[in-house]
Amino acid sequence: MDTKRLELLTEAVPSASRVGVLWNPHFPPNVATLSELKRAAQTLRVELYLVAYRGPHELEGAVATLRRDGAEALFVMPHPTTSGHAPRLAALAATHQLPAIAPYRDFAEAGGLMAYGGLFADMYRRAPALVDKILKGAKPSDVPVERPVRFELVVNLKTAQALGLTIPPVVLFRADEVIQ
């Protein structure tokens, strides 16, 4: 999904040639998808500028560093910290005039430019079945990891307008929700 998020961001902000990536190097899923994200960036002809953070206390400084060092857009990699601080990240992106995408719907609802990710409601509905298997004796390591099957794209046109952006119709057409 990270490569799809990057693709959507570059479609929405085609002028961005340097994309700042906010990531946590101690989070295995971020590390595992980084090489794939770098390949996608080469295909999309954008430079990735990675800035690591270790906790919520470093988010403000990390976003400021991205902007100061020439990032023209912000890409938020999934992590429990960024999920729990999505509204704060949206505010930081706005403060630094960075069009941004994150995997969380509440990011776009709070003023981030875009969000693309799995539907959390669907994932939460599946959780009891997995817990039930464990409570009935299955070892947690034997319960298969499930991935989302439905995804949503949310675009915030208020934010686009504030940033002076015109979101291309092809992106708006694919959006599941457009915040006006």
Protein backbone atom coordinates (compact mmCIF):
# COMPACT_ATOMS: atom_id res chain seq x y z
CA MET A 1 0.00 0.00 0.00
CA ASP A 2 2.90 2.39 0.52
CA THR A 3 3.71 2.36 -3.19
CA LYS A 4 0.06 3.08 -4.02
CA ARG A 5 0.05 5.97 -1.53
CA LEU A 6 3.18 7.40 -3.16
CA GLU A 7 1.60 7.06 -6.59
CA LEU A 8 -1.54 8.88 -5.41
CA LEU A 9 0.51 11.67 -3.84
CA THR A 10 2.53 12.22 -7.01
CA GLU A 11 -0.66 12.23 -9.10
CA ALA A 12 -2.25 14.80 -6.80
CA VAL A 13 0.90 16.93 -6.58
CA PRO A 14 2.72 16.39 -9.90
CA SER A 15 5.02 19.36 -9.26
CA ALA A 16 6.59 17.65 -6.23
CA SER A 17 9.98 16.24 -7.13
CA ARG A 18 11.21 15.71 -3.55
CA VAL A 19 8.96 13.79 -1.18
CA GLY A 20 9.76 13.76 2.50
CA VAL A 21 9.13 10.40 4.14
CA LEU A 22 8.36 10.28 7.83
CA TRP A 23 9.27 6.80 9.07
CA ASN A 24 10.32 4.83 12.10
CA PRO A 25 13.43 2.69 11.47
CA HIS A 26 12.65 0.55 14.53
CA PHE A 27 9.28 -0.58 13.14
CA PRO A 28 9.82 -3.75 11.05
CA PRO A 29 6.96 -3.09 8.58
CA ASN A 30 8.49 0.31 7.71
CA VAL A 31 11.89 -1.28 7.15
CA ALA A 32 10.42 -4.13 5.11
CA THR A 33 8.62 -1.85 2.65
CA LEU A 34 11.31 0.80 2.28
CA SER A 35 13.13 -0.83 -0.65
CA GLU A 36 9.82 -1.25 -2.49
CA LEU A 37 8.99 2.40 -1.84
CA LYS A 38 12.39 3.46 -3.20
CA ARG A 39 11.81 1.45 -6.40
CA ALA A 40 8.41 3.09 -6.81
CA ALA A 41 9.99 6.52 -6.35
CA GLN A 42 12.45 5.79 -9.17
CA THR A 43 9.59 4.74 -11.44
CA LEU A 44 7.62 7.87 -10.52
CA ARG A 45 10.74 10.02 -10.92
CA VAL A 46 10.67 11.53 -7.46
CA GLU A 47 13.40 11.76 -4.88
CA LEU A 48 12.64 10.40 -1.43
CA TYR A 49 14.05 12.23 1.55
CA LEU A 50 13.82 10.02 4.63
CA VAL A 51 13.59 11.48 8.11
CA ALA A 52 13.37 9.07 11.00
CA TYR A 53 11.66 9.60 14.31
CA ARG A 54 11.52 7.40 17.39
CA GLY A 55 8.48 8.73 19.21
CA PRO A 56 5.74 11.35 19.20
CA HIS A 57 8.05 13.92 20.82
CA GLU A 58 10.13 13.94 17.60
CA LEU A 59 7.31 14.45 15.07
CA GLU A 60 7.38 18.24 15.04
CA GLY A 61 11.13 18.38 14.56
CA ALA A 62 11.03 15.69 11.87
CA VAL A 63 8.40 17.51 9.80
CA ALA A 64 10.25 20.82 10.22
CA THR A 65 13.46 19.13 9.04
CA LEU A 66 11.71 17.74 5.97
CA ARG A 67 10.46 21.17 4.99
CA ARG A 68 13.70 22.97 5.80
CA ASP A 69 15.64 20.50 3.64
CA GLY A 70 13.44 21.00 0.59
CA ALA A 71 10.66 18.43 0.76
CA GLU A 72 7.76 19.49 -1.44
CA ALA A 73 5.32 16.89 -0.12
CA LEU A 74 5.01 14.67 2.94
CA PHE A 75 4.55 10.90 2.97
CA VAL A 76 3.63 9.42 6.35
CA MET A 77 4.48 5.74 6.71
CA PRO A 78 2.15 3.64 8.86
CA HIS A 79 3.08 3.26 12.51
CA PRO A 80 1.13 3.21 15.78
CA THR A 81 2.64 6.60 16.69
CA THR A 82 1.56 8.28 13.47
CA SER A 83 -1.86 6.62 13.71
CA GLY A 84 -2.40 7.95 17.20
CA HIS A 85 -1.20 11.41 16.20
CA ALA A 86 -2.82 11.74 12.77
CA PRO A 87 -4.59 15.04 13.58
CA ARG A 88 -1.35 16.47 14.97
CA LEU A 89 0.52 15.40 11.83
CA ALA A 90 -2.16 17.03 9.65
CA ALA A 91 -1.65 20.26 11.59
CA LEU A 92 2.13 20.03 11.20
CA ALA A 93 1.77 19.47 7.45
CA ALA A 94 -0.47 22.54 7.25
CA THR A 95 1.92 24.65 9.32
CA HIS A 96 4.77 23.75 6.99
CA GLN A 97 2.65 24.05 3.83
CA LEU A 98 3.28 20.43 2.84
CA PRO A 99 0.72 18.48 0.83
CA ALA A 100 0.64 15.17 2.66
CA ILE A 101 -0.73 11.66 2.52
CA ALA A 102 -1.10 9.17 5.35
CA PRO A 103 -2.77 5.78 5.72
CA TYR A 104 -5.41 7.05 8.16
CA ARG A 105 -8.81 8.50 7.33
CA ASP A 106 -8.73 10.81 10.36
CA PHE A 107 -5.59 12.41 8.92
CA ALA A 108 -7.56 13.76 5.94
CA GLU A 109 -10.54 14.58 8.14
CA ALA A 110 -8.24 16.65 10.37
CA GLY A 111 -6.83 18.65 7.45
CA GLY A 112 -4.24 16.42 5.77
CA LEU A 113 -4.46 16.49 1.97
CA MET A 114 -5.12 12.79 1.43
CA ALA A 115 -5.51 9.46 3.15
CA TYR A 116 -5.35 6.03 1.57
CA GLY A 117 -5.51 2.82 3.51
CA GLY A 118 -7.48 -0.17 4.60
CA LEU A 119 -10.90 0.30 6.10
CA PHE A 120 -10.33 0.04 9.84
CA ALA A 121 -13.97 -0.88 10.45
CA ASP A 122 -13.51 -4.00 8.34
CA MET A 123 -10.33 -4.91 10.19
CA TYR A 124 -11.99 -4.41 13.57
CA ARG A 125 -14.87 -6.65 12.52
CA ARG A 126 -12.39 -9.47 11.83
CA ALA A 127 -10.53 -9.12 15.14
CA PRO A 128 -13.07 -11.05 17.27
CA ALA A 129 -12.80 -14.10 15.00
CA LEU A 130 -9.03 -14.11 15.43
CA VAL A 131 -9.30 -13.68 19.20
CA ASP A 132 -11.88 -16.50 19.27
CA LYS A 133 -9.40 -18.86 17.60
CA ILE A 134 -6.78 -18.03 20.22
CA LEU A 135 -9.23 -18.40 23.09
CA LYS A 136 -10.18 -21.83 21.73
CA GLY A 137 -6.58 -22.96 21.93
CA ALA A 138 -4.87 -21.90 18.71
CA LYS A 139 -1.35 -20.62 19.20
CA PRO A 140 -1.14 -16.97 18.19
CA SER A 141 1.79 -17.81 15.90
CA ASP A 142 -0.49 -20.25 14.02
CA VAL A 143 -3.23 -17.70 13.38
CA PRO A 144 -2.66 -16.29 9.88
CA VAL A 145 -1.99 -12.61 9.45
CA GLU A 146 -4.84 -10.97 7.60
CA ARG A 147 -4.51 -7.99 5.34
CA PRO A 148 -7.23 -5.49 4.51
CA VAL A 149 -9.37 -6.36 1.51
CA ARG A 150 -11.10 -3.01 1.10
CA PHE A 151 -9.35 0.33 0.84
CA GLU A 152 -10.48 3.93 0.78
CA LEU A 153 -9.11 7.15 -0.63
CA VAL A 154 -10.13 10.39 1.10
CA VAL A 155 -9.19 13.74 -0.45
CA ASN A 156 -9.51 17.03 1.42
CA LEU A 157 -10.28 19.79 -1.08
CA LYS A 158 -10.25 22.46 1.64
CA THR A 159 -6.62 21.61 2.27
CA ALA A 160 -5.84 21.53 -1.44
CA GLN A 161 -7.31 25.02 -1.80
CA ALA A 162 -5.34 26.29 1.21
CA LEU A 163 -2.15 24.91 -0.39
CA GLY A 164 -3.01 26.43 -3.78
CA LEU A 165 -3.35 22.98 -5.39
CA THR A 166 -5.77 21.75 -7.99
CA ILE A 167 -6.33 18.04 -7.54
CA PRO A 168 -6.51 16.35 -10.95
CA PRO A 169 -9.94 14.96 -11.87
CA VAL A 170 -8.51 11.44 -12.21
CA VAL A 171 -7.62 11.47 -8.50
CA LEU A 172 -10.96 12.93 -7.46
CA PHE A 173 -12.79 10.34 -9.56
CA ARG A 174 -11.06 7.52 -7.66
CA ALA A 175 -11.75 9.06 -4.26
CA ASP A 176 -14.22 7.31 -2.00
CA GLU A 177 -14.81 10.61 -0.22
CA VAL A 178 -14.03 14.20 -1.05
CA ILE A 179 -14.05 16.66 1.84
CA GLN A 180 -15.20 20.06 0.61
